């Protein structure tokens, strides 16, 4: 389906630049960006644990917890008889 949208000039230029760098079309960039935006309409609670990395992929936010090491896992396994 064809449609017309108005974009700010800097945004359109940035999208064209990304398309050129990736060797793809502006249409493909816009489709991908729109699909990604729609797909990640998470409920607010889950947004608290995710963030977008520099490639715009969702990743877990760092949490302030104890570091899990092999030694800690083996100790728990031994305590649990596993």
N, C-alpha and C. Protein backbone atom coordinates (compact mmCIF):
# COMPACT_ATOMS: atom_id res chain seq x y z
N UNK A 1 0.85 -1.17 0.00
CA UNK A 1 0.00 0.00 0.00
C UNK A 1 0.90 1.23 0.00
N UNK A 2 0.54 2.20 -0.75
CA UNK A 2 1.29 3.45 -0.79
C UNK A 2 0.64 4.46 0.13
N UNK A 3 1.48 5.26 0.77
CA UNK A 3 0.99 6.33 1.62
C UNK A 3 2.00 7.47 1.60
N UNK A 4 1.58 8.60 2.07
CA UNK A 4 2.46 9.76 2.13
C UNK A 4 2.60 10.18 3.59
N UNK A 5 3.83 10.40 4.01
CA UNK A 5 4.07 10.89 5.37
C UNK A 5 5.03 12.07 5.31
N UNK A 6 4.93 12.93 6.29
CA UNK A 6 5.84 14.06 6.38
C UNK A 6 6.85 13.77 7.48
N UNK A 7 8.12 13.85 7.13
CA UNK A 7 9.21 13.63 8.08
C UNK A 7 10.07 14.88 8.15
N UNK A 8 10.64 15.15 9.30
CA UNK A 8 11.59 16.26 9.37
C UNK A 8 12.78 15.96 8.44
N UNK A 9 13.27 16.98 7.77
CA UNK A 9 14.38 16.79 6.83
C UNK A 9 15.58 16.07 7.43
N UNK A 10 16.02 16.43 8.65
CA UNK A 10 17.18 15.72 9.21
C UNK A 10 16.92 14.22 9.42
N UNK A 11 15.69 13.87 9.81
CA UNK A 11 15.35 12.46 10.01
C UNK A 11 15.37 11.70 8.69
N UNK A 12 14.80 12.29 7.66
CA UNK A 12 14.80 11.66 6.34
C UNK A 12 16.22 11.50 5.83
N UNK A 13 17.04 12.52 5.99
CA UNK A 13 18.43 12.44 5.54
C UNK A 13 19.19 11.36 6.29
N UNK A 14 18.95 11.26 7.60
CA UNK A 14 19.61 10.23 8.41
C UNK A 14 19.18 8.84 7.95
N UNK A 15 17.90 8.67 7.65
CA UNK A 15 17.41 7.37 7.18
C UNK A 15 18.02 7.01 5.83
N UNK A 16 18.14 7.99 4.95
CA UNK A 16 18.76 7.75 3.64
C UNK A 16 20.23 7.36 3.81
N UNK A 17 20.91 8.01 4.73
CA UNK A 17 22.32 7.70 4.99
C UNK A 17 22.48 6.28 5.52
N UNK A 18 21.61 5.89 6.44
CA UNK A 18 21.65 4.53 6.97
C UNK A 18 21.40 3.52 5.86
N UNK A 19 20.43 3.78 5.02
CA UNK A 19 20.12 2.87 3.91
C UNK A 19 21.33 2.73 2.99
N UNK A 20 21.97 3.83 2.68
CA UNK A 20 23.14 3.80 1.81
C UNK A 20 24.28 3.00 2.44
N UNK A 21 24.53 3.23 3.73
CA UNK A 21 25.60 2.51 4.43
C UNK A 21 25.32 1.01 4.49
N UNK A 22 24.05 0.64 4.63
CA UNK A 22 23.69 -0.78 4.74
C UNK A 22 23.46 -1.43 3.38
N UNK A 23 23.52 -0.64 2.33
CA UNK A 23 23.31 -1.18 0.99
C UNK A 23 21.88 -1.65 0.78
N UNK A 24 20.95 -0.91 1.31
CA UNK A 24 19.54 -1.26 1.18
C UNK A 24 18.76 -0.03 0.75
N UNK A 25 17.46 -0.14 0.75
CA UNK A 25 16.62 0.96 0.29
C UNK A 25 16.04 1.73 1.48
N UNK A 26 15.63 2.95 1.20
CA UNK A 26 14.95 3.75 2.21
C UNK A 26 13.67 3.05 2.64
N UNK A 27 12.96 2.46 1.69
CA UNK A 27 11.72 1.73 2.00
C UNK A 27 11.99 0.62 3.00
N UNK A 28 13.07 -0.15 2.79
CA UNK A 28 13.39 -1.25 3.69
C UNK A 28 13.73 -0.74 5.09
N UNK A 29 14.47 0.36 5.16
CA UNK A 29 14.82 0.95 6.46
C UNK A 29 13.56 1.39 7.20
N UNK A 30 12.66 2.08 6.51
CA UNK A 30 11.43 2.55 7.14
C UNK A 30 10.54 1.39 7.56
N UNK A 31 10.42 0.36 6.72
CA UNK A 31 9.62 -0.81 7.08
C UNK A 31 10.17 -1.48 8.33
N UNK A 32 11.49 -1.65 8.36
CA UNK A 32 12.13 -2.31 9.50
C UNK A 32 11.93 -1.49 10.78
N UNK A 33 12.14 -0.19 10.68
CA UNK A 33 11.99 0.68 11.85
C UNK A 33 10.56 0.67 12.38
N UNK A 34 9.60 0.73 11.48
CA UNK A 34 8.20 0.74 11.89
C UNK A 34 7.80 -0.60 12.49
N UNK A 35 8.24 -1.70 11.87
CA UNK A 35 7.92 -3.03 12.40
C UNK A 35 8.53 -3.22 13.78
N UNK A 36 9.78 -2.75 13.96
CA UNK A 36 10.44 -2.87 15.26
C UNK A 36 9.71 -2.04 16.31
N UNK A 37 9.29 -0.86 15.96
CA UNK A 37 8.58 0.00 16.90
C UNK A 37 7.26 -0.64 17.34
N UNK A 38 6.55 -1.22 16.39
CA UNK A 38 5.27 -1.86 16.71
C UNK A 38 5.49 -3.11 17.55
N UNK A 39 6.52 -3.89 17.22
CA UNK A 39 6.77 -5.15 17.92
C UNK A 39 7.15 -4.95 19.38
N UNK A 40 7.77 -3.83 19.71
CA UNK A 40 8.25 -3.62 21.06
C UNK A 40 7.34 -2.71 21.87
N UNK A 41 6.06 -2.89 21.74
CA UNK A 41 5.10 -2.16 22.55
C UNK A 41 4.85 -2.95 23.83
N UNK A 42 5.92 -3.12 24.62
CA UNK A 42 5.84 -3.88 25.86
C UNK A 42 5.05 -3.11 26.90
N UNK A 43 4.44 -3.84 27.82
CA UNK A 43 3.80 -3.15 28.94
C UNK A 43 4.84 -2.40 29.76
N UNK A 44 4.45 -1.33 30.42
CA UNK A 44 5.41 -0.51 31.16
C UNK A 44 6.28 -1.29 32.14
N UNK A 45 5.74 -2.31 32.78
CA UNK A 45 6.52 -3.06 33.76
C UNK A 45 7.76 -3.69 33.13
N UNK A 46 7.62 -4.24 31.93
CA UNK A 46 8.77 -4.89 31.31
C UNK A 46 9.77 -3.87 30.79
N UNK A 47 9.33 -2.66 30.51
CA UNK A 47 10.26 -1.61 30.07
C UNK A 47 11.25 -1.27 31.18
N UNK A 48 10.87 -1.55 32.41
CA UNK A 48 11.75 -1.26 33.52
C UNK A 48 12.98 -2.16 33.54
N UNK A 49 12.91 -3.32 32.89
CA UNK A 49 14.05 -4.24 32.92
C UNK A 49 14.80 -4.28 31.59
N UNK A 50 14.26 -3.67 30.55
CA UNK A 50 14.92 -3.67 29.25
C UNK A 50 15.35 -2.26 28.85
N UNK A 51 16.41 -2.20 28.04
CA UNK A 51 16.81 -0.95 27.41
C UNK A 51 17.31 -1.28 26.01
N UNK A 52 17.41 -0.29 25.16
CA UNK A 52 17.92 -0.51 23.82
C UNK A 52 19.41 -0.24 23.80
N UNK A 53 20.17 -1.17 23.21
CA UNK A 53 21.61 -0.95 23.11
C UNK A 53 21.92 -0.04 21.93
N UNK A 54 23.20 0.15 21.62
CA UNK A 54 23.57 1.09 20.56
C UNK A 54 23.13 0.65 19.18
N UNK A 55 22.70 -0.63 19.05
CA UNK A 55 22.18 -1.12 17.77
C UNK A 55 20.66 -1.19 17.79
N UNK A 56 20.05 -0.63 18.82
CA UNK A 56 18.60 -0.60 19.01
C UNK A 56 17.99 -1.97 19.26
N UNK A 57 18.78 -2.89 19.82
CA UNK A 57 18.26 -4.18 20.22
C UNK A 57 17.94 -4.13 21.70
N UNK A 58 16.82 -4.74 22.11
CA UNK A 58 16.50 -4.73 23.53
C UNK A 58 17.43 -5.67 24.30
N UNK A 59 17.96 -5.19 25.39
CA UNK A 59 18.82 -5.98 26.28
C UNK A 59 18.39 -5.72 27.72
N UNK A 60 18.71 -6.67 28.59
CA UNK A 60 18.38 -6.48 30.00
C UNK A 60 19.23 -5.36 30.58
N UNK A 61 18.60 -4.53 31.39
CA UNK A 61 19.34 -3.48 32.08
C UNK A 61 20.21 -4.12 33.16
N UNK A 62 21.38 -3.56 33.40
CA UNK A 62 22.21 -4.09 34.49
C UNK A 62 21.49 -3.92 35.83
N UNK A 63 21.61 -4.94 36.66
CA UNK A 63 20.99 -4.86 37.98
C UNK A 63 22.07 -4.95 39.04
N UNK A 64 21.79 -4.37 40.17
CA UNK A 64 22.74 -4.39 41.27
C UNK A 64 22.52 -5.67 42.07
N UNK A 65 23.18 -6.75 41.63
CA UNK A 65 23.08 -8.04 42.31
C UNK A 65 24.47 -8.61 42.47
N UNK A 66 24.56 -9.67 43.26
CA UNK A 66 25.84 -10.36 43.40
C UNK A 66 26.21 -11.00 42.08
N UNK A 67 27.50 -11.00 41.80
CA UNK A 67 28.00 -11.62 40.58
C UNK A 67 27.91 -13.13 40.72
N UNK A 68 27.41 -13.80 39.69
CA UNK A 68 27.32 -15.26 39.69
C UNK A 68 28.60 -15.82 39.10
N UNK A 69 29.27 -16.66 39.87
CA UNK A 69 30.51 -17.28 39.41
C UNK A 69 30.32 -18.79 39.36
N UNK A 70 31.23 -19.47 38.67
CA UNK A 70 31.18 -20.93 38.63
C UNK A 70 31.27 -21.51 40.04
N UNK A 71 32.13 -20.93 40.85
CA UNK A 71 32.31 -21.43 42.21
C UNK A 71 31.00 -21.33 43.00
N UNK A 72 30.30 -20.22 42.86
CA UNK A 72 29.03 -20.05 43.56
C UNK A 72 28.00 -21.07 43.08
N UNK A 73 27.97 -21.32 41.78
CA UNK A 73 27.03 -22.29 41.23
C UNK A 73 27.36 -23.69 41.74
N UNK A 74 28.65 -24.07 41.71
CA UNK A 74 29.05 -25.39 42.19
C UNK A 74 28.74 -25.57 43.67
N UNK A 75 28.92 -24.51 44.45
CA UNK A 75 28.62 -24.59 45.88
C UNK A 75 27.13 -24.85 46.10
N UNK A 76 26.30 -24.13 45.37
CA UNK A 76 24.85 -24.32 45.49
C UNK A 76 24.46 -25.72 45.03
N UNK A 77 25.07 -26.18 43.93
CA UNK A 77 24.78 -27.53 43.44
C UNK A 77 25.16 -28.57 44.48
N UNK A 78 26.30 -28.38 45.15
CA UNK A 78 26.74 -29.32 46.17
C UNK A 78 25.78 -29.30 47.36
N UNK A 79 25.36 -28.10 47.77
CA UNK A 79 24.41 -27.98 48.88
C UNK A 79 23.07 -28.62 48.55
N UNK A 80 22.67 -28.54 47.28
CA UNK A 80 21.39 -29.11 46.86
C UNK A 80 21.50 -30.59 46.51
N UNK A 81 22.72 -31.11 46.50
CA UNK A 81 22.92 -32.52 46.16
C UNK A 81 22.73 -32.82 44.69
N UNK A 82 23.06 -31.85 43.86
CA UNK A 82 22.90 -32.02 42.41
C UNK A 82 24.22 -32.41 41.80
